[in-house]
Amino acid sequence: MKCVSRSKNSHRAERTDTGFLRGLSVLKHLTLEISYGSA
């Protein structure tokens, strides 16, 4: 039981981490586009 719950929690954490990293990459891309456009 413990192993199952642990694996579920780790999977959920990985899922949120990937989503967070994806959001950061998108924000970085947008900021780069804005900076290049203004410059």
PDB file of N, CA and C in Angstrom:
ATOM      1  N   MET A   1       0.844  -1.198   0.000  1.00  0.00           N
ATOM      2  CA  MET A   1       0.000   0.000   0.000  1.00  0.00           C
ATOM      3  C   MET A   1       0.886   1.257   0.000  1.00  0.00           C
ATOM      4  N   LYS A   2       1.878   1.251   0.878  1.00  0.00           N
ATOM      5  CA  LYS A   2       2.735   2.432   0.967  1.00  0.00           C
ATOM      6  C   LYS A   2       3.454   2.682  -0.370  1.00  0.00           C
ATOM      7  N   CYS A   3       3.959   1.594  -0.954  1.00  0.00           N
ATOM      8  CA  CYS A   3       4.682   1.742  -2.220  1.00  0.00           C
ATOM      9  C   CYS A   3       3.765   2.326  -3.296  1.00  0.00           C
ATOM     10  N   VAL A   4       2.527   1.837  -3.348  1.00  0.00           N
ATOM     11  CA  VAL A   4       1.586   2.303  -4.361  1.00  0.00           C
ATOM     12  C   VAL A   4       1.325   3.794  -4.189  1.00  0.00           C
ATOM     13  N   SER A   5       1.030   4.214  -2.942  1.00  0.00           N
ATOM     14  CA  SER A   5       0.731   5.633  -2.693  1.00  0.00           C
ATOM     15  C   SER A   5       1.964   6.482  -3.002  1.00  0.00           C
ATOM     16  N   ARG A   6       3.138   5.954  -2.654  1.00  0.00           N
ATOM     17  CA  ARG A   6       4.363   6.713  -2.898  1.00  0.00           C
ATOM     18  C   ARG A   6       4.564   6.921  -4.401  1.00  0.00           C
ATOM     19  N   SER A   7       4.365   5.852  -5.176  1.00  0.00           N
ATOM     20  CA  SER A   7       4.547   5.960  -6.630  1.00  0.00           C
ATOM     21  C   SER A   7       3.546   6.968  -7.202  1.00  0.00           C
ATOM     22  N   LYS A   8       2.311   6.939  -6.691  1.00  0.00           N
ATOM     23  CA  LYS A   8       1.297   7.883  -7.180  1.00  0.00           C
ATOM     24  C   LYS A   8       1.738   9.315  -6.878  1.00  0.00           C
ATOM     25  N   ASN A   9       2.229   9.541  -5.656  1.00  0.00           N
ATOM     26  CA  ASN A   9       2.649  10.885  -5.276  1.00  0.00           C
ATOM     27  C   ASN A   9       3.826  11.346  -6.137  1.00  0.00           C
ATOM     28  N   SER A  10       4.797  10.473  -6.359  1.00  0.00           N
ATOM     29  CA  SER A  10       5.958  10.844  -7.167  1.00  0.00           C
ATOM     30  C   SER A  10       5.522  11.157  -8.599  1.00  0.00           C
ATOM     31  N   HIS A  11       4.580  10.349  -9.118  1.00  0.00           N
ATOM     32  CA  HIS A  11       4.098  10.588 -10.479  1.00  0.00           C
ATOM     33  C   HIS A  11       3.419  11.951 -10.554  1.00  0.00           C
ATOM     34  N   ARG A  12       2.629  12.265  -9.547  1.00  0.00           N
ATOM     35  CA  ARG A  12       1.925  13.550  -9.520  1.00  0.00           C
ATOM     36  C   ARG A  12       2.951  14.688  -9.456  1.00  0.00           C
ATOM     37  N   ALA A  13       3.990  14.526  -8.649  1.00  0.00           N
ATOM     38  CA  ALA A  13       5.018  15.560  -8.517  1.00  0.00           C
ATOM     39  C   ALA A  13       5.723  15.766  -9.866  1.00  0.00           C
ATOM     40  N   GLU A  14       6.067  14.663 -10.533  1.00  0.00           N
ATOM     41  CA  GLU A  14       6.729  14.777 -11.836  1.00  0.00           C
ATOM     42  C   GLU A  14       5.827  15.512 -12.816  1.00  0.00           C
ATOM     43  N   ARG A  15       4.540  15.197 -12.775  1.00  0.00           N
ATOM     44  CA  ARG A  15       3.583  15.816 -13.688  1.00  0.00           C
ATOM     45  C   ARG A  15       3.573  17.332 -13.475  1.00  0.00           C
ATOM     46  N   THR A  16       3.500  17.776 -12.220  1.00  0.00           N
ATOM     47  CA  THR A  16       3.474  19.212 -11.923  1.00  0.00           C
ATOM     48  C   THR A  16       4.804  19.849 -12.306  1.00  0.00           C
ATOM     49  N   ASP A  17       5.907  19.145 -12.061  1.00  0.00           N
ATOM     50  CA  ASP A  17       7.217  19.694 -12.417  1.00  0.00           C
ATOM     51  C   ASP A  17       7.321  19.936 -13.912  1.00  0.00           C
ATOM     52  N   THR A  18       6.888  18.964 -14.727  1.00  0.00           N
ATOM     53  CA  THR A  18       6.974  19.137 -16.178  1.00  0.00           C
ATOM     54  C   THR A  18       6.104  20.305 -16.615  1.00  0.00           C
ATOM     55  N   GLY A  19       4.909  20.415 -16.047  1.00  0.00           N
ATOM     56  CA  GLY A  19       4.022  21.523 -16.402  1.00  0.00           C
ATOM     57  C   GLY A  19       4.646  22.849 -16.008  1.00  0.00           C
ATOM     58  N   PHE A  20       5.283  22.897 -14.844  1.00  0.00           N
ATOM     59  CA  PHE A  20       5.919  24.130 -14.367  1.00  0.00           C
ATOM     60  C   PHE A  20       7.067  24.513 -15.296  1.00  0.00           C
ATOM     61  N   LEU A  21       7.889  23.539 -15.655  1.00  0.00           N
ATOM     62  CA  LEU A  21       9.018  23.816 -16.548  1.00  0.00           C
ATOM     63  C   LEU A  21       8.520  24.281 -17.907  1.00  0.00           C
ATOM     64  N   ARG A  22       7.455  23.656 -18.400  1.00  0.00           N
ATOM     65  CA  ARG A  22       6.889  24.043 -19.699  1.00  0.00           C
ATOM     66  C   ARG A  22       6.424  25.501 -19.643  1.00  0.00           C
ATOM     67  N   GLY A  23       5.742  25.864 -18.539  1.00  0.00           N
ATOM     68  CA  GLY A  23       5.270  27.237 -18.375  1.00  0.00           C
ATOM     69  C   GLY A  23       6.445  28.207 -18.339  1.00  0.00           C
ATOM     70  N   LEU A  24       7.524  27.827 -17.653  1.00  0.00           N
ATOM     71  CA  LEU A  24       8.690  28.701 -17.569  1.00  0.00           C
ATOM     72  C   LEU A  24       9.302  28.900 -18.951  1.00  0.00           C
ATOM     73  N   SER A  25       9.417  27.835 -19.725  1.00  0.00           N
ATOM     74  CA  SER A  25      10.003  27.945 -21.067  1.00  0.00           C
ATOM     75  C   SER A  25       9.150  28.862 -21.936  1.00  0.00           C
ATOM     76  N   VAL A  26       7.832  28.753 -21.819  1.00  0.00           N
ATOM     77  CA  VAL A  26       6.936  29.608 -22.604  1.00  0.00           C
ATOM     78  C   VAL A  26       7.114  31.061 -22.194  1.00  0.00           C
ATOM     79  N   LEU A  27       7.189  31.309 -20.879  1.00  0.00           N
ATOM     80  CA  LEU A  27       7.368  32.685 -20.400  1.00  0.00           C
ATOM     81  C   LEU A  27       8.696  33.244 -20.905  1.00  0.00           C
ATOM     82  N   LYS A  28       9.747  32.433 -20.857  1.00  0.00           N
ATOM     83  CA  LYS A  28      11.061  32.877 -21.316  1.00  0.00           C
ATOM     84  C   LYS A  28      11.005  33.229 -22.801  1.00  0.00           C
ATOM     85  N   HIS A  29      10.328  32.393 -23.586  1.00  0.00           N
ATOM     86  CA  HIS A  29      10.204  32.635 -25.021  1.00  0.00           C
ATOM     87  C   HIS A  29       9.465  33.951 -25.271  1.00  0.00           C
ATOM     88  N   LEU A  30       8.380  34.177 -24.529  1.00  0.00           N
ATOM     89  CA  LEU A  30       7.605  35.407 -24.707  1.00  0.00           C
ATOM     90  C   LEU A  30       8.442  36.623 -24.340  1.00  0.00           C
ATOM     91  N   THR A  31       9.164  36.561 -23.229  1.00  0.00           N
ATOM     92  CA  THR A  31       9.980  37.701 -22.805  1.00  0.00           C
ATOM     93  C   THR A  31      11.069  37.974 -23.846  1.00  0.00           C
ATOM     94  N   LEU A  32      11.658  36.919 -24.415  1.00  0.00           N
ATOM     95  CA  LEU A  32      12.688  37.106 -25.440  1.00  0.00           C
ATOM     96  C   LEU A  32      12.087  37.776 -26.672  1.00  0.00           C
ATOM     97  N   GLU A  33      10.901  37.337 -27.075  1.00  0.00           N
ATOM     98  CA  GLU A  33      10.247  37.933 -28.244  1.00  0.00           C
ATOM     99  C   GLU A  33       9.963  39.402 -27.986  1.00  0.00           C
ATOM    100  N   ILE A  34       9.461  39.727 -26.808  1.00  0.00           N
ATOM    101  CA  ILE A  34       9.141  41.124 -26.470  1.00  0.00           C
ATOM    102  C   ILE A  34      10.417  41.964 -26.473  1.00  0.00           C
ATOM    103  N   SER A  35      11.483  41.468 -25.851  1.00  0.00           N
ATOM    104  CA  SER A  35      12.729  42.233 -25.772  1.00  0.00           C
ATOM    105  C   SER A  35      13.297  42.463 -27.178  1.00  0.00           C
ATOM    106  N   TYR A  36      13.267  41.426 -28.037  1.00  0.00           N
ATOM    107  CA  TYR A  36      13.776  41.582 -29.398  1.00  0.00           C
ATOM    108  C   TYR A  36      12.902  42.545 -30.200  1.00  0.00           C
ATOM    109  N   GLY A  37      11.592  42.446 -30.003  1.00  0.00           N
ATOM    110  CA  GLY A  37      10.675  43.314 -30.738  1.00  0.00           C
ATOM    111  C   GLY A  37      10.869  44.771 -30.356  1.00  0.00           C
ATOM    112  N   SER A  38      11.025  45.045 -29.054  1.00  0.00           N
ATOM    113  CA  SER A  38      11.190  46.427 -28.600  1.00  0.00           C
ATOM    114  C   SER A  38      12.557  46.953 -29.025  1.00  0.00           C
ATOM    115  N   ALA A  39      13.574  46.069 -29.047  1.00  0.00           N
ATOM    116  CA  ALA A  39      14.930  46.492 -29.400  1.00  0.00           C
ATOM    117  C   ALA A  39      15.115  46.490 -30.914  1.00  0.00           C
TER     118      ALA A  39
END
